[in-house]
Protein backbone atom coordinates (compact mmCIF):
# COMPACT_ATOMS: atom_id res chain seq x y z
CA MET A 1 -8.26 29.16 -5.51
CA PRO A 2 -7.14 25.67 -6.54
CA GLY A 3 -4.75 24.97 -9.38
CA GLU A 4 -1.88 26.88 -10.94
CA GLN A 5 -2.36 29.85 -13.23
CA VAL A 6 -2.20 28.88 -16.87
CA SER A 7 -1.85 30.83 -20.08
CA SER A 8 -3.41 28.56 -22.67
CA ALA A 9 -6.97 27.37 -23.13
CA VAL A 10 -5.74 23.98 -24.26
CA HIS A 11 -4.80 22.97 -20.70
CA THR A 12 -7.22 21.16 -18.44
CA LEU A 13 -8.64 24.03 -16.40
CA GLN A 14 -10.22 24.29 -12.99
CA LYS A 15 -11.38 27.89 -12.96
CA PHE A 16 -13.18 29.87 -15.64
CA SER A 17 -15.14 33.09 -15.85
CA ILE A 18 -15.94 35.94 -18.20
CA PRO A 19 -14.37 39.07 -16.73
CA LEU A 20 -16.32 42.31 -16.88
CA ALA A 21 -13.19 44.31 -17.64
CA ILE A 22 -12.77 42.52 -20.97
CA VAL A 23 -16.31 43.38 -21.98
CA ILE A 24 -15.93 47.01 -20.97
CA ALA A 25 -12.72 47.21 -22.99
CA GLY A 26 -14.53 45.82 -26.02
CA ALA A 27 -12.12 42.92 -26.26
CA LEU A 28 -14.32 40.02 -25.28
CA VAL A 29 -14.25 37.32 -27.95
CA ALA A 30 -15.87 33.91 -28.08
CA GLY A 31 -14.06 31.60 -25.72
CA ALA A 32 -12.10 34.29 -23.86
CA LEU A 33 -11.20 32.93 -20.47
CA TYR A 34 -10.20 34.28 -17.11
CA PHE A 35 -8.01 31.91 -15.14
CA GLY A 36 -7.49 32.28 -11.41
CA GLY A 37 -4.45 30.88 -9.73
CA GLY A 38 -3.05 30.05 -6.34
CA SER A 39 -4.74 28.26 -3.48
CA GLY A 40 -7.32 30.51 -1.87
CA GLY A 41 -6.45 33.30 -4.30
CA ALA A 42 -8.62 36.10 -5.67
CA PRO A 43 -8.80 38.02 -8.96
CA PRO A 44 -6.18 40.69 -9.60
CA GLY A 45 -6.69 43.53 -7.19
CA SER A 46 -7.12 41.33 -4.09
CA PRO A 47 -10.56 42.54 -2.92
CA ALA A 48 -11.35 42.76 0.76
CA PRO A 49 -12.33 39.54 2.55
CA VAL A 50 -15.90 38.43 1.93
CA ASP A 51 -18.54 37.04 4.26
CA ILE A 52 -21.86 35.55 3.21
CA LYS A 53 -23.40 37.35 6.19
CA ASP A 54 -22.88 40.61 4.31
CA VAL A 55 -24.79 39.41 1.24
CA SER A 56 -28.30 40.83 1.02
CA ILE A 57 -30.98 38.15 0.74
CA GLN A 58 -34.41 39.62 0.04
CA ALA A 59 -37.78 38.17 -0.91
CA ASP A 60 -37.05 39.30 -4.48
CA ASP A 61 -34.03 36.98 -4.68
CA PRO A 62 -34.74 33.50 -6.03
CA VAL A 63 -33.66 30.87 -3.52
CA ILE A 64 -33.69 27.08 -3.59
CA GLY A 65 -33.30 25.09 -0.40
CA GLU A 66 -34.54 25.28 3.16
CA LYS A 67 -34.91 28.78 4.58
CA ASN A 68 -32.96 27.82 7.70
CA ALA A 69 -30.28 25.75 5.96
CA PRO A 70 -26.99 26.14 7.85
CA VAL A 71 -24.99 27.10 4.74
CA THR A 72 -25.76 29.68 2.06
CA LEU A 73 -24.25 29.96 -1.41
CA ALA A 74 -24.78 33.22 -3.33
CA TYR A 75 -24.41 32.83 -7.09
CA TRP A 76 -23.97 35.76 -9.53
CA PHE A 77 -24.53 34.80 -13.16
CA ASP A 78 -25.56 35.85 -16.65
CA TYR A 79 -27.85 33.59 -18.69
CA GLN A 80 -25.64 34.20 -21.75
CA CYS A 81 -22.44 33.20 -19.96
CA PRO A 82 -21.15 29.80 -21.19
CA PHE A 83 -19.12 29.35 -18.00
CA CYS A 84 -22.32 29.72 -15.95
CA LYS A 85 -23.93 27.11 -18.18
CA ALA A 86 -20.95 24.82 -17.56
CA VAL A 87 -21.51 25.05 -13.80
CA ASP A 88 -25.28 24.70 -13.99
CA VAL A 89 -26.02 22.11 -16.65
CA GLY A 90 -22.79 21.38 -18.52
CA GLY A 91 -22.73 20.62 -22.21
CA VAL A 92 -20.13 23.25 -23.15
CA PRO A 93 -17.41 21.40 -25.10
CA GLN A 94 -14.83 24.16 -24.70
CA ILE A 95 -15.12 24.10 -20.90
CA PRO A 96 -13.98 20.68 -19.63
CA ILE A 97 -15.63 20.51 -16.22
CA GLU A 98 -18.53 18.51 -14.88
CA PRO A 99 -21.47 20.70 -13.85
CA ALA A 100 -21.35 21.32 -10.10
CA MET A 101 -24.97 22.36 -9.60
CA PRO A 102 -26.62 18.91 -9.88
CA SER A 103 -24.34 17.53 -7.14
CA LEU A 104 -24.80 20.63 -5.00
CA ILE A 105 -28.56 20.18 -5.18
CA LYS A 106 -28.50 16.42 -4.60
CA ASP A 107 -25.92 16.34 -1.80
CA TYR A 108 -26.61 19.61 -0.02
CA VAL A 109 -29.85 21.36 -1.03
CA GLN A 110 -32.07 18.28 -0.93
CA THR A 111 -30.53 17.19 2.39
CA GLY A 112 -31.34 20.53 4.02
CA LYS A 113 -27.71 21.64 4.41
CA LEU A 114 -27.58 24.39 1.77
CA LYS A 115 -29.65 27.10 0.20
CA ILE A 116 -28.59 28.79 -3.03
CA VAL A 117 -29.41 32.44 -3.74
CA PHE A 118 -29.48 33.44 -7.42
CA LYS A 119 -28.10 36.92 -8.15
CA ASP A 120 -28.05 38.86 -11.41
CA TYR A 121 -24.86 39.89 -13.16
CA ALA A 122 -26.43 40.60 -16.54
CA PHE A 123 -23.64 42.34 -18.45
CA LEU A 124 -23.22 40.55 -21.78
CA GLY A 125 -25.90 42.38 -23.74
CA PRO A 126 -29.64 43.01 -24.16
CA ASP A 127 -30.55 39.31 -24.13
CA SER A 128 -28.90 39.01 -20.72
CA THR A 129 -31.18 41.71 -19.35
CA THR A 130 -34.30 40.25 -20.95
CA ALA A 131 -33.58 36.83 -19.48
CA ALA A 132 -32.97 38.40 -16.07
CA LEU A 133 -36.31 40.23 -16.27
CA TYR A 134 -38.10 36.94 -16.88
CA LYS A 135 -36.10 35.32 -14.08
CA HIS A 136 -37.70 37.76 -11.65
CA ALA A 137 -41.17 37.29 -13.11
CA VAL A 138 -40.91 33.50 -12.87
CA TRP A 139 -39.75 33.77 -9.27
CA GLU A 140 -42.60 36.12 -8.38
CA LEU A 141 -45.37 34.09 -10.03
CA TYR A 142 -44.06 30.51 -10.00
CA PRO A 143 -41.40 30.16 -7.27
CA GLU A 144 -41.78 26.39 -7.07
CA GLN A 145 -40.84 26.10 -10.74
CA PHE A 146 -38.04 28.63 -10.73
CA TYR A 147 -35.16 26.18 -10.97
CA GLU A 148 -36.88 24.18 -13.71
CA TRP A 149 -37.06 27.37 -15.76
CA HIS A 150 -33.50 28.34 -14.80
CA GLU A 151 -32.17 24.99 -16.05
CA ALA A 152 -34.25 25.18 -19.22
CA ILE A 153 -32.94 28.57 -20.28
CA PHE A 154 -29.34 27.52 -19.69
CA LYS A 155 -29.90 24.38 -21.77
CA ALA A 156 -31.31 26.61 -24.54
CA GLN A 157 -28.26 28.88 -24.45
CA ASP A 158 -26.82 29.64 -27.87
CA GLU A 159 -24.30 32.15 -29.18
CA GLU A 160 -23.97 35.37 -27.22
CA ASN A 161 -26.68 37.82 -28.32
CA GLY A 162 -27.73 35.27 -30.92
CA GLY A 163 -31.41 35.57 -30.01
CA PHE A 164 -32.02 32.68 -27.61
CA GLY A 165 -32.51 35.20 -24.79
CA ASP A 166 -34.76 37.66 -26.57
CA GLU A 167 -38.36 37.95 -25.48
CA SER A 168 -39.92 35.91 -28.28
CA SER A 169 -37.49 33.02 -27.73
CA ILE A 170 -37.98 33.11 -23.96
CA LEU A 171 -41.76 33.06 -24.36
CA ALA A 172 -41.49 30.11 -26.77
CA LEU A 173 -39.36 28.27 -24.21
CA ILE A 174 -41.80 29.04 -21.40
CA ARG A 175 -44.65 27.54 -23.44
CA THR A 176 -42.81 24.20 -23.41
CA LEU A 177 -42.72 24.10 -19.59
CA PRO A 178 -45.89 22.73 -17.98
CA GLY A 179 -47.48 24.99 -15.40
CA LEU A 180 -46.00 28.26 -16.65
CA ASP A 181 -48.25 30.81 -18.36
CA ALA A 182 -46.20 32.73 -20.92
CA GLU A 183 -48.73 35.50 -21.40
CA ARG A 184 -49.07 36.05 -17.66
CA LEU A 185 -45.30 36.26 -17.31
CA GLN A 186 -45.05 38.66 -20.24
CA GLN A 187 -47.64 40.89 -18.59
CA LYS A 188 -45.78 40.77 -15.27
CA VAL A 189 -42.53 41.82 -16.96
CA ALA A 190 -44.31 44.72 -18.66
CA GLU A 191 -45.89 45.83 -15.37
CA LYS A 192 -42.74 45.59 -13.26
CA ARG A 193 -39.98 46.22 -15.77
CA ASP A 194 -38.56 49.26 -13.97
CA ALA A 195 -38.65 47.53 -10.58
CA TYR A 196 -36.97 44.43 -11.98
CA LEU A 197 -34.31 46.51 -13.73
CA ALA A 198 -33.53 48.16 -10.40
CA LEU A 199 -33.13 44.74 -8.76
CA ILE A 200 -30.85 43.57 -11.57
CA ALA A 201 -28.65 46.65 -11.17
CA GLU A 202 -28.53 46.25 -7.38
CA ASP A 203 -27.42 42.63 -7.67
CA GLN A 204 -24.60 43.49 -10.05
CA GLN A 205 -23.43 46.40 -7.91
CA GLU A 206 -23.47 44.16 -4.85
CA GLY A 207 -21.43 41.49 -6.60
CA ALA A 208 -18.88 44.05 -7.76
CA SER A 209 -18.57 45.35 -4.20
CA PHE A 210 -17.42 41.87 -3.13
CA GLY A 211 -14.79 41.71 -5.86
CA ILE A 212 -16.80 39.73 -8.41
CA GLN A 213 -15.52 40.95 -11.77
CA GLY A 214 -17.32 38.60 -14.14
CA THR A 215 -19.48 35.52 -14.30
CA PRO A 216 -19.96 33.20 -12.64
CA GLY A 217 -19.07 34.34 -9.13
CA PHE A 218 -19.92 32.66 -5.84
CA ILE A 219 -19.68 33.46 -2.15
CA THR A 220 -20.19 30.95 0.64
CA GLY A 221 -19.01 31.50 4.19
CA THR A 222 -15.86 33.59 3.83
CA THR A 223 -14.90 32.04 0.49
CA LEU A 224 -15.10 33.81 -2.86
CA ILE A 225 -15.13 31.45 -5.85
CA PRO A 226 -14.55 33.75 -8.85
CA GLY A 227 -15.24 31.47 -11.78
CA ALA A 228 -16.61 28.15 -12.98
CA ASP A 229 -15.12 25.47 -10.77
CA ASP A 230 -15.70 21.79 -10.22
CA PHE A 231 -17.80 20.29 -7.45
CA SER A 232 -14.83 19.54 -5.18
CA THR A 233 -14.12 23.24 -4.68
CA PHE A 234 -17.71 23.95 -3.64
CA LYS A 235 -17.77 20.84 -1.45
CA ALA A 236 -14.67 21.92 0.46
CA ALA A 237 -16.04 25.42 1.05
CA ILE A 238 -19.43 24.10 2.19
CA ASP A 239 -18.14 21.24 4.35
CA SER A 240 -15.90 23.65 6.25
CA GLN A 241 -19.09 25.34 7.52
CA LEU A 242 -20.91 22.20 8.63
């Protein structure tokens, strides 16, 4: 993992994530940060080596990019996580990194070199789960518009469990996106709630099995990127596989 470990949020940082252990302990506060350190390092505990070949990719998993792209990036996230927002769309003043996702899409997805698999790690509260439920419904009914919706909900992100991810707010957001039928999506969530909840749980368990302890977390090739990082880190991991 690039960069040296730091102890203060006032430093310019390269790696950020919300660790699950802090939430479980009841000590997560706004702006709490997990900092990784050491080149090629991993979170405390040094999980076993990872390999993207071991990541399950099913039809239920939202994917952008060519099916046969030579490189795959698996991305575990929570729609309430500000560090995930920083990677996806930016606009988080407390997290001084440029969003990596636009460059990943432009330079690698749109050129046929990369596909990105979107995995649930919905652990920050009820709104996280509700947003994840609608993620699956959007993918099932409107796969071509999945990433548009994904970007939109991150841009709408507000305070944790502040209501932006509850059902009424999500439906209001959906109604602003051309081509998406909010009532149809609401019905799909009602019909398949239990099945979607099972998928959400499976994704989180899978991520944890690879040593992902919070959000965001990424695996590509044999590289685990446990936090919000800048584009150069993703570029190096992807280019090494091309």
